[in-house]
Protein backbone atom coordinates (compact mmCIF):
# COMPACT_ATOMS: atom_id res chain seq x y z
CA MET A 1 64.32 90.94 80.10
CA HIS A 2 66.93 93.43 80.82
CA ALA A 3 63.67 96.37 81.41
CA ALA A 4 61.78 93.43 83.18
CA PHE A 5 65.69 93.01 85.36
CA SER A 6 66.27 96.59 85.53
CA LEU A 7 62.71 96.72 87.45
CA LEU A 8 63.22 94.22 90.06
CA VAL A 9 66.76 95.89 91.32
CA THR A 10 65.16 99.30 91.32
CA MET A 11 62.08 97.46 93.61
CA SER A 12 64.23 96.01 95.53
CA ILE A 13 66.79 98.91 96.01
CA ALA A 14 63.48 100.89 97.24
CA ILE A 15 61.93 97.70 99.26
CA GLN A 16 65.63 97.90 100.83
CA ALA A 17 65.63 101.93 102.02
CA ILE A 18 62.02 102.24 102.74
CA SER A 19 62.95 99.48 104.99
CA LEU A 20 65.87 100.74 106.30
CA LYS A 21 64.02 104.35 106.88
CA ALA A 22 61.22 102.18 108.67
CA GLU A 23 63.95 100.69 111.14
CA GLU A 24 65.56 104.12 111.74
CA SER A 25 62.64 105.49 112.44
CA ALA A 26 61.46 103.57 114.63
CA THR A 27 59.73 104.78 118.06
CA TYR A 28 58.29 103.67 121.16
CA LEU A 29 55.57 105.15 123.97
CA LEU A 30 58.14 105.36 126.92
CA LYS A 31 55.68 105.88 129.44
CA SER A 32 54.93 103.71 132.36
CA GLU A 33 51.48 102.98 133.95
CA ILE A 34 51.79 102.04 137.62
CA PRO A 35 48.09 102.43 138.80
CA ALA A 36 47.16 102.45 142.66
CA ASP A 37 46.80 99.06 144.24
CA SER A 38 49.00 97.45 141.59
CA THR A 39 51.45 94.79 143.70
CA ALA A 40 55.19 94.37 141.63
CA GLU A 41 57.86 91.87 143.16
CA VAL A 42 61.17 93.41 143.63
CA THR A 43 64.29 91.60 143.80
CA VAL A 44 67.80 94.03 144.65
CA LYS A 45 71.01 92.70 144.46
CA LEU A 46 73.87 95.37 145.59
CA GLU A 47 77.67 95.03 145.74
CA VAL A 48 79.90 97.57 146.85
CA GLY A 49 83.99 97.58 146.71
CA GLY A 50 86.87 100.15 147.56
CA ASP A 51 88.24 102.29 150.42
CA MET A 52 86.03 103.66 153.85
CA LEU A 53 88.09 107.42 154.36
CA VAL A 54 88.34 107.89 158.29
CA THR A 55 89.95 110.95 159.59
CA GLY A 56 92.99 109.88 161.73
CA GLU A 57 94.49 112.61 163.78
CA THR A 58 97.05 113.21 161.54
CA GLU A 59 95.46 111.86 158.57
CA VAL A 60 92.90 110.21 156.68
CA LYS A 61 93.13 106.47 156.62
CA GLU A 62 91.65 104.54 153.83
CA LEU A 63 89.78 101.29 155.01
CA PRO A 64 89.08 98.26 153.02
CA LEU A 65 85.18 98.04 152.48
CA LYS A 66 82.96 95.60 151.20
CA VAL A 67 79.30 95.36 151.09
CA LEU A 68 77.12 92.67 149.72
CA GLY A 69 73.61 93.32 149.74
CA HIS A 70 70.07 91.10 148.96
CA PHE A 71 66.60 92.77 149.18
CA THR A 72 63.43 91.67 148.16
CA TYR A 73 59.55 92.88 148.69
CA ARG A 74 56.59 93.38 147.35
CA GLU A 75 55.44 96.79 146.61
CA LYS A 76 51.55 97.90 146.52
CA ILE A 77 51.38 101.01 144.82
CA VAL A 78 49.48 103.74 146.93
CA ALA A 79 50.02 106.14 144.82
CA TRP A 80 52.70 106.90 141.69
CA THR A 81 52.85 109.30 138.63
CA GLY A 82 55.54 109.77 136.07
CA ASP A 83 56.15 113.60 137.08
CA PRO A 84 58.70 113.94 139.54
CA LEU A 85 57.26 116.97 141.25
CA GLN A 86 54.62 114.86 142.49
CA PRO A 87 54.68 112.52 145.86
CA ALA A 88 54.68 108.52 145.26
CA ARG A 89 53.95 106.16 147.98
CA SER A 90 53.23 102.49 148.20
CA VAL A 91 53.44 99.99 150.77
CA ARG A 92 56.44 97.18 150.75
CA GLN A 93 56.31 93.81 152.00
CA TYR A 94 60.00 92.88 152.88
CA ASP A 95 60.83 89.13 152.43
CA ARG A 96 64.49 89.66 152.99
CA ALA A 97 66.58 92.57 153.57
CA GLU A 98 69.98 91.77 154.58
CA ALA A 99 73.76 92.93 154.23
CA HIS A 100 76.81 91.50 155.15
CA ILE A 101 79.14 94.62 155.67
CA GLU A 102 82.98 94.12 155.78
CA VAL A 103 85.20 97.09 157.27
CA ASP A 104 89.06 96.60 157.29
CA ASP A 105 89.55 93.53 159.15
CA ARG A 106 85.53 93.83 161.14
CA SER A 107 82.46 92.39 159.94
CA SER A 108 78.84 93.03 160.44
CA ASP A 109 75.39 91.64 159.68
CA ARG A 110 72.26 93.54 158.90
CA LYS A 111 68.98 92.26 158.69
CA LEU A 112 65.36 93.61 158.52
CA PRO A 113 62.69 91.75 160.59
CA ASP A 114 59.92 90.75 158.38
CA GLU A 115 57.27 93.80 158.57
CA LEU A 116 55.14 96.16 155.87
CA LEU A 117 57.06 99.74 155.40
CA LEU A 118 55.47 102.58 153.78
CA ALA A 119 57.71 104.22 151.46
CA GLU A 120 57.19 107.68 149.76
CA ILE A 121 59.40 110.12 147.22
CA ARG A 122 58.24 113.80 147.52
CA GLY A 123 60.03 116.32 146.49
CA GLY A 124 63.07 114.61 146.13
CA GLU A 125 63.17 113.64 149.69
CA ILE A 126 63.22 109.92 150.48
CA THR A 127 60.80 108.79 153.64
CA LEU A 128 60.52 105.01 154.65
CA ALA A 129 58.61 104.12 157.66
CA GLY A 130 58.13 101.18 159.77
CA THR A 131 54.55 100.07 160.38
CA ALA A 132 54.78 97.73 163.94
CA ASN A 133 57.92 99.15 164.80
CA VAL A 134 59.52 102.80 164.32
CA LEU A 135 62.76 101.86 162.41
CA THR A 136 66.22 102.39 163.86
CA ARG A 137 69.35 104.18 162.24
CA GLU A 138 70.65 100.82 161.32
CA GLN A 139 67.46 99.62 160.18
CA TYR A 140 66.93 102.50 158.01
CA ASP A 141 69.90 103.12 156.13
CA LEU A 142 69.92 99.02 155.43
CA VAL A 143 66.61 100.07 152.99
CA ASN A 144 67.29 103.62 151.85
CA ILE A 145 69.54 101.79 149.31
CA VAL A 146 69.89 103.08 145.83
CA ALA A 147 67.98 102.61 142.75
CA ASN A 148 64.66 103.43 144.72
CA SER A 149 61.73 101.60 142.90
CA LEU A 150 59.52 104.23 143.17
CA ALA A 151 61.93 106.41 140.90
CA ILE A 152 63.03 103.88 138.24
CA ASP A 153 60.04 104.49 136.57
CA ARG A 154 60.63 108.14 136.71
CA LEU A 155 63.58 107.95 134.04
CA LEU A 156 61.51 107.62 131.05
CA PRO A 157 60.75 110.64 129.50
CA GLY A 158 56.36 109.90 129.33
CA LYS A 159 56.42 110.35 125.31
CA GLU A 160 57.10 108.64 121.63
CA MET A 161 61.37 108.19 121.52
CA ALA A 162 62.99 107.24 118.05
CA GLU A 163 66.05 104.62 118.29
CA GLY A 164 69.07 106.79 118.48
CA GLU A 165 66.94 109.68 120.12
CA SER A 166 68.44 110.40 124.20
CA TRP A 167 66.67 112.62 127.39
CA GLU A 168 68.42 114.47 130.07
CA HIS A 169 67.40 113.53 133.45
CA ASP A 170 65.22 115.58 136.46
CA LYS A 171 67.46 116.50 138.92
CA GLU A 172 64.28 114.93 141.44
CA THR A 173 64.41 111.70 140.07
CA MET A 174 68.14 111.37 140.25
CA GLN A 175 68.02 112.39 143.71
CA THR A 176 65.57 110.07 145.08
CA LEU A 177 66.91 107.34 142.63
CA LEU A 178 70.09 107.67 144.36
CA ALA A 179 69.75 108.24 147.74
CA MET A 180 71.50 111.61 147.85
CA ASP A 181 69.53 114.73 150.61
CA HIS A 182 70.28 117.07 147.61
CA LEU A 183 71.69 117.23 144.05
CA ALA A 184 73.47 120.27 143.20
CA VAL A 185 74.83 119.26 139.35
CA CYS A 186 73.29 116.79 137.22
CA ASP A 187 74.34 115.95 133.73
CA VAL A 188 73.11 112.70 133.07
CA SER A 189 70.94 110.99 130.03
CA SER A 190 69.32 107.86 128.76
CA VAL A 191 69.47 106.76 124.77
CA ALA A 192 66.79 104.01 123.41
CA THR A 193 69.31 101.62 121.71
CA LYS A 194 67.15 98.82 120.06
CA LEU A 195 63.67 96.66 120.76
CA THR A 196 64.08 92.84 121.99
CA ASN A 197 61.57 90.65 122.75
CA ARG A 198 59.22 93.86 123.42
CA GLU A 199 61.62 95.10 125.62
CA VAL A 200 63.58 98.88 124.78
CA GLN A 201 66.66 98.29 125.45
CA ILE A 202 67.91 101.78 126.78
CA ARG A 203 71.27 102.96 128.55
CA MET A 204 72.29 105.56 130.95
CA ALA A 205 75.20 107.60 131.71
CA GLY A 206 76.41 110.79 133.05
CA THR A 207 77.64 112.58 136.59
CA VAL A 208 76.33 114.04 139.24
CA ASP A 209 77.50 115.88 142.51
CA GLY A 210 75.70 116.67 145.49
CA THR A 211 76.13 115.69 149.03
CA VAL A 212 74.66 111.98 150.95
CA ASP A 213 73.96 112.61 154.33
CA GLY A 214 75.44 116.18 154.33
CA ALA A 215 78.86 115.25 152.94
CA PRO A 216 80.20 116.40 149.14
CA THR A 217 80.02 113.53 146.99
CA GLU A 218 80.49 113.47 143.24
CA MET A 219 79.33 110.29 141.30
CA GLU A 220 79.93 108.47 137.70
CA LEU A 221 77.42 106.76 136.34
CA ARG A 222 76.99 103.97 133.83
CA GLY A 223 73.55 101.82 133.20
CA ALA A 224 71.51 99.95 131.44
CA TYR A 225 67.62 99.64 131.55
CA LEU A 226 64.41 97.32 130.04
CA PHE A 227 61.70 98.91 129.15
CA HIS A 228 58.34 96.43 128.43
CA LEU A 229 55.65 97.87 126.58
CA ASP A 230 52.97 95.54 127.05
CA LYS A 231 53.34 95.39 130.89
CA LYS A 232 54.48 99.48 130.50
CA ARG A 233 56.86 98.89 133.26
CA ILE A 234 60.95 99.15 133.93
CA THR A 235 61.21 95.25 134.29
CA GLY A 236 65.14 95.37 134.42
CA PHE A 237 67.49 97.69 135.71
CA ASN A 238 71.54 97.42 136.32
CA LEU A 239 73.49 100.55 137.42
CA ALA A 240 77.68 101.25 138.37
CA ILE A 241 78.29 104.22 140.19
CA LYS A 242 81.87 104.81 140.70
CA GLU A 243 81.49 107.40 143.81
CA SER A 244 83.95 109.70 145.55
CA ARG A 245 83.01 110.76 149.17
CA LYS A 246 84.45 113.38 151.54
CA THR A 247 85.32 112.69 154.85
CA THR A 248 82.79 115.18 157.25
CA GLU A 249 82.16 115.09 161.26
CA ILE A 250 78.98 113.14 160.74
CA VAL A 251 80.04 110.80 158.12
CA PRO A 252 83.23 108.95 156.49
CA GLY A 253 84.05 109.22 153.47
CA LEU A 254 83.98 106.85 150.13
CA ASP A 255 85.97 105.76 147.46
CA VAL A 256 84.10 102.83 145.83
CA VAL A 257 82.39 101.29 142.98
CA ALA A 258 78.94 100.55 143.74
CA LYS A 259 76.70 97.87 141.13
CA VAL A 260 73.13 97.17 141.56
CA PHE A 261 71.18 95.05 139.91
CA VAL A 262 67.32 95.11 139.59
CA THR A 263 64.84 93.38 138.84
CA VAL A 264 61.06 94.03 138.86
CA ASN A 265 58.09 91.71 138.29
CA PRO A 266 54.58 93.81 137.39
CA ARG A 267 52.44 91.32 138.18
CA ALA A 268 52.89 89.59 141.16
CA LYS A 269 50.60 88.45 143.72
CA SER A 270 49.41 91.03 146.14
CA PHE A 271 48.91 90.84 150.56
CA SER A 272 46.45 92.17 152.38
CA VAL A 273 47.33 95.94 154.16
CA PRO A 274 45.64 96.61 158.09
CA LYS A 275 42.63 98.97 157.37
CA ASP A 276 44.27 101.23 159.65
CA LEU A 277 47.39 101.33 157.82
CA ALA A 278 45.61 101.39 154.46
CA ALA A 279 43.88 104.50 156.03
CA ILE A 280 47.11 106.22 157.27
CA ALA A 281 48.89 105.45 153.67
CA SER A 282 46.14 106.56 151.38
CA ARG A 283 46.70 110.48 153.39
CA THR A 284 49.11 111.37 149.95
CA ASP A 285 47.77 115.10 151.04
CA ARG A 286 50.80 114.85 153.46
CA PRO A 287 53.81 113.72 153.94
CA LEU A 288 54.75 110.34 155.86
CA GLU A 289 55.89 111.55 159.51
CA ARG A 290 60.09 111.23 159.92
CA LYS A 291 61.15 109.76 162.43
CA LEU A 292 63.61 107.06 163.92
CA VAL A 293 64.12 105.67 167.33
CA TYR A 294 67.36 105.66 169.37
CA GLN A 295 67.98 103.47 171.89
CA SER A 296 70.97 103.88 174.35
CA PRO A 297 73.04 100.38 174.57
CA THR A 298 74.17 101.35 177.98
CA SER A 299 71.86 103.87 179.95
CA GLY A 300 68.49 102.85 179.82
CA PHE A 301 66.31 105.46 177.66
CA SER A 302 64.64 105.87 174.11
CA PHE A 303 63.09 108.36 172.39
CA GLU A 304 62.35 109.12 168.64
CA TYR A 305 63.68 111.72 165.89
CA ASP A 306 64.09 112.77 162.68
CA PRO A 307 66.26 111.16 160.25
CA ALA A 308 67.79 114.57 160.30
CA TRP A 309 69.84 114.15 163.57
CA TYR A 310 73.13 111.67 163.28
CA VAL A 311 74.68 109.96 166.21
CA THR A 312 78.23 111.12 165.90
CA ALA A 313 79.46 110.09 169.29
CA GLU A 314 78.41 107.26 171.83
CA GLU A 315 80.22 106.86 175.66
CA ARG A 316 78.78 105.40 178.37
CA ASP A 317 76.89 108.55 179.93
CA LEU A 318 77.32 110.89 176.78
CA PHE A 319 75.92 110.54 173.53
CA SER A 320 76.25 113.74 170.35
CA PHE A 321 74.65 113.84 167.88
CA ARG A 322 74.11 116.65 164.67
CA TYR A 323 71.48 118.08 163.04
CA LEU A 324 71.46 118.31 159.14
CA HIS A 325 69.24 121.27 157.60
CA ASP A 326 68.98 121.91 153.57
CA HIS A 327 72.61 119.40 153.64
CA GLN A 328 74.25 122.36 155.69
CA LEU A 329 74.75 121.64 159.57
CA ALA A 330 72.56 123.19 161.86
CA ALA A 331 72.90 122.54 165.37
CA HIS A 332 74.41 119.93 167.64
CA CYS A 333 73.11 118.07 170.74
CA ASN A 334 74.64 116.63 173.71
CA VAL A 335 72.60 114.14 175.84
CA ASN A 336 74.24 113.58 179.26
CA VAL A 337 73.19 110.87 181.34
CA LEU A 338 72.47 111.45 185.11
CA PRO A 339 72.15 109.48 188.56
CA PRO A 340 68.34 109.12 189.86
CA ARG A 341 67.39 111.57 192.48
CA SER A 342 64.67 110.69 195.12
CA GLU A 343 61.59 111.69 194.89
CA GLY A 344 60.77 115.41 196.56
CA ARG A 345 64.85 115.80 195.67
CA GLN A 346 64.45 117.09 192.17
CA THR A 347 66.14 120.12 191.18
CA LYS A 348 63.70 122.98 190.81
CA LEU A 349 63.69 125.42 187.94
CA ASP A 350 65.47 128.37 189.37
CA GLU A 351 68.28 126.09 191.04
CA PHE A 352 68.35 124.71 186.85
CA GLU A 353 68.46 128.00 185.63
CA ARG A 354 71.13 129.19 187.49
CA ASP A 355 72.97 126.24 186.63
CA VAL A 356 72.84 127.24 182.69
CA ARG A 357 74.27 130.62 183.61
CA GLU A 358 77.28 129.48 185.34
CA ALA A 359 77.82 126.87 182.69
CA LEU A 360 78.01 129.44 180.17
CA GLY A 361 79.71 132.05 181.88
CA ASP A 362 80.76 135.08 180.02
CA LYS A 363 79.46 134.16 177.06
CA LEU A 364 76.02 134.22 178.14
CA GLU A 365 74.10 137.39 177.85
CA THR A 366 70.11 136.83 178.08
CA VAL A 367 68.07 134.01 179.04
CA SER A 368 64.90 134.46 176.88
CA ALA A 369 62.94 131.63 178.63
CA SER A 370 62.72 129.37 181.71
CA THR A 371 60.13 126.99 181.94
CA GLU A 372 58.74 123.96 182.98
CA TRP A 373 55.88 121.06 182.15
CA GLU A 374 55.05 117.83 181.22
CA THR A 375 56.01 115.65 179.11
CA PRO A 376 53.56 113.09 176.48
CA LEU A 377 54.63 110.19 179.18
CA GLY A 378 54.45 112.23 182.25
CA TYR A 379 58.08 113.23 183.06
CA HIS A 380 59.08 116.11 184.57
CA CYS A 381 60.93 118.61 182.40
CA LEU A 382 63.00 122.16 182.63
CA GLY A 383 63.74 124.08 179.85
CA VAL A 384 66.01 127.27 179.78
CA ILE A 385 66.58 129.02 176.56
CA ALA A 386 69.99 131.41 176.38
CA ASN A 387 71.35 133.62 173.70
CA GLY A 388 75.25 134.90 173.66
CA THR A 389 78.12 135.10 171.39
CA VAL A 390 81.34 132.99 170.80
CA LYS A 391 83.84 134.61 168.55
CA ASP A 392 81.46 137.02 167.43
CA VAL A 393 78.93 134.69 166.41
CA PRO A 394 75.13 134.78 167.65
CA ILE A 395 74.79 131.74 169.59
CA GLU A 396 71.55 129.80 171.06
CA TRP A 397 71.75 127.37 173.92
CA ARG A 398 68.52 125.31 174.63
CA HIS A 399 68.76 123.21 178.08
CA TYR A 400 66.89 120.05 178.98
CA LEU A 401 66.22 118.40 182.30
CA VAL A 402 63.78 115.24 181.94
CA ALA A 403 63.16 113.20 185.12
CA ALA A 404 60.98 110.56 186.41
CA ASN A 405 61.08 108.72 189.81
CA ASP A 406 63.59 106.14 190.22
CA CYS A 407 64.79 106.75 186.73
CA PRO A 408 68.03 108.14 185.31
CA ARG A 409 68.01 112.25 184.63
CA LEU A 410 68.83 113.35 181.06
CA SER A 411 70.25 116.41 180.44
CA LEU A 412 69.75 117.66 176.89
CA GLY A 413 72.09 120.45 175.56
CA VAL A 414 71.28 122.68 172.04
CA THR A 415 73.69 124.11 170.27
CA LEU A 416 72.77 126.31 167.27
CA GLU A 417 73.87 129.86 165.25
CA GLN A 418 70.71 132.04 165.75
CA SER A 419 70.86 132.40 162.61
CA GLN A 420 69.94 129.04 162.20
CA GLY A 421 66.98 129.48 164.67
CA ALA A 422 64.41 129.54 162.07
CA LYS A 423 65.03 126.59 159.76
CA PHE A 424 65.43 124.46 162.94
CA ALA A 425 62.74 125.38 164.98
CA ASP A 426 61.62 122.94 167.42
CA ALA A 427 63.79 119.84 166.00
CA GLU A 428 64.85 118.71 169.67
CA ARG A 429 61.18 118.33 171.02
CA GLN A 430 60.56 115.33 169.05
CA MET A 431 63.35 113.81 171.55
CA ILE A 432 62.19 115.35 174.53
CA ASP A 433 58.49 114.23 173.98
CA SER A 434 59.19 110.99 172.89
CA LEU A 435 61.56 110.26 175.28
CA LYS A 436 61.42 107.03 177.60
CA LEU A 437 63.08 106.44 180.84
CA GLU A 438 63.85 102.96 182.10
CA PRO A 439 63.58 102.47 185.90
CA THR A 440 67.04 101.95 187.79
CA ASP A 441 67.08 99.32 190.48
CA LYS A 442 67.47 101.34 193.87
CA SER A 443 70.59 99.52 195.11
CA THR A 444 72.34 100.33 192.12
CA ALA A 445 70.94 104.09 191.91
CA THR A 446 71.62 104.91 195.36
CA GLU A 447 75.48 103.42 194.76
CA THR A 448 75.57 106.01 191.65
CA ALA A 449 74.56 108.59 193.22
CA THR A 450 76.79 108.13 196.33
CA LYS A 451 79.66 107.84 194.06
CA ALA A 452 78.33 111.06 191.76
CA GLY A 453 78.26 113.66 195.10
CA THR A 454 77.40 116.39 193.86
CA LYS A 455 78.82 116.78 190.19
CA SER A 456 75.25 117.96 188.90
CA ARG A 457 72.41 118.43 190.45
């Protein structure tokens, strides 16, 4: 009897040990499968609270900031792999994209019209492109938020992992997940914790340093997400971000906490994509074209431009832009609106070159190009490229004058260090080639020209 009891106790202990060992060694294949043409419904809630930091005349001002955003879209996959070095692309049908923003005692609302967008992540860079209309900067910033659904599933290691086992995250994935333009330091990892209802619970934590819109930033991250073993996708993702972003001449700084809550239904109802759009979307061997549209609020012109340009000042007839390349300031551009000239009295190329020479004065050393042409929309354009030195730094100036009958004329002046020439290339030509001028009422134009006198040719 005693021997039998001892045997039962021994067997019980052995079974418990085997069970405990099995629990300790439970492993899961943490690898998403997102085939082309599959459609998911994505819902995102974004909350931001803290301070916006604005540089004043003598000090940095802290303005209370609150943001509440809601986003719902269906996403049809064009191409996706778990490899962060490969491009991923989708077509998104937004049913809701809106945000309420409060800064100090002012508030504003932003909303994206219901339309299809093309979304892509490639080499750590995010592209969002309107299909019916080119997005404005405000619309682009509205939908270019953290927790990009093309990046979330790349958090998974793509292999078997045991409970309690952790893995490090790569820079490319974290850069697109956090909508950063550069990530210098990435110290973020995840760990699988347990399985509940066929969903593996995973926790993420760490820090990143880099830039957003060219501004240096530091982020502390705490997150939790769910991977469904049968649906083979991350179906829930929550992330808290404590961010400290410095002020620059392009964007204000931030001292905020952001929280994002994402749910993904991998088996959503599909939607139709026009054939011409589907053909464009399918060409994944080439990047999507990066462009936004700028519409002057007061002066009757618009043009398309690369998102690397940022508007830094808007006055009645003067607009300033800054251009970032590799997260650093590469050039700036001033756009001046001038009164129209009557037919037959347009500025000649030699007159324009003389004006440029006089404006640069002693800084000018050489004029390397002086030419004229018609833009794709038929406007007359003069161009002068000059070189010189400012405080021992070699500088290149590119000046343009675009004119059309009965329309305001536009003068564009681009300034960059000569060392930035190869990186900058012809980044301003997209503005000029796409420029649209709105005809001016003739009586108003005559009055404006009379007041302007001989201020500008």
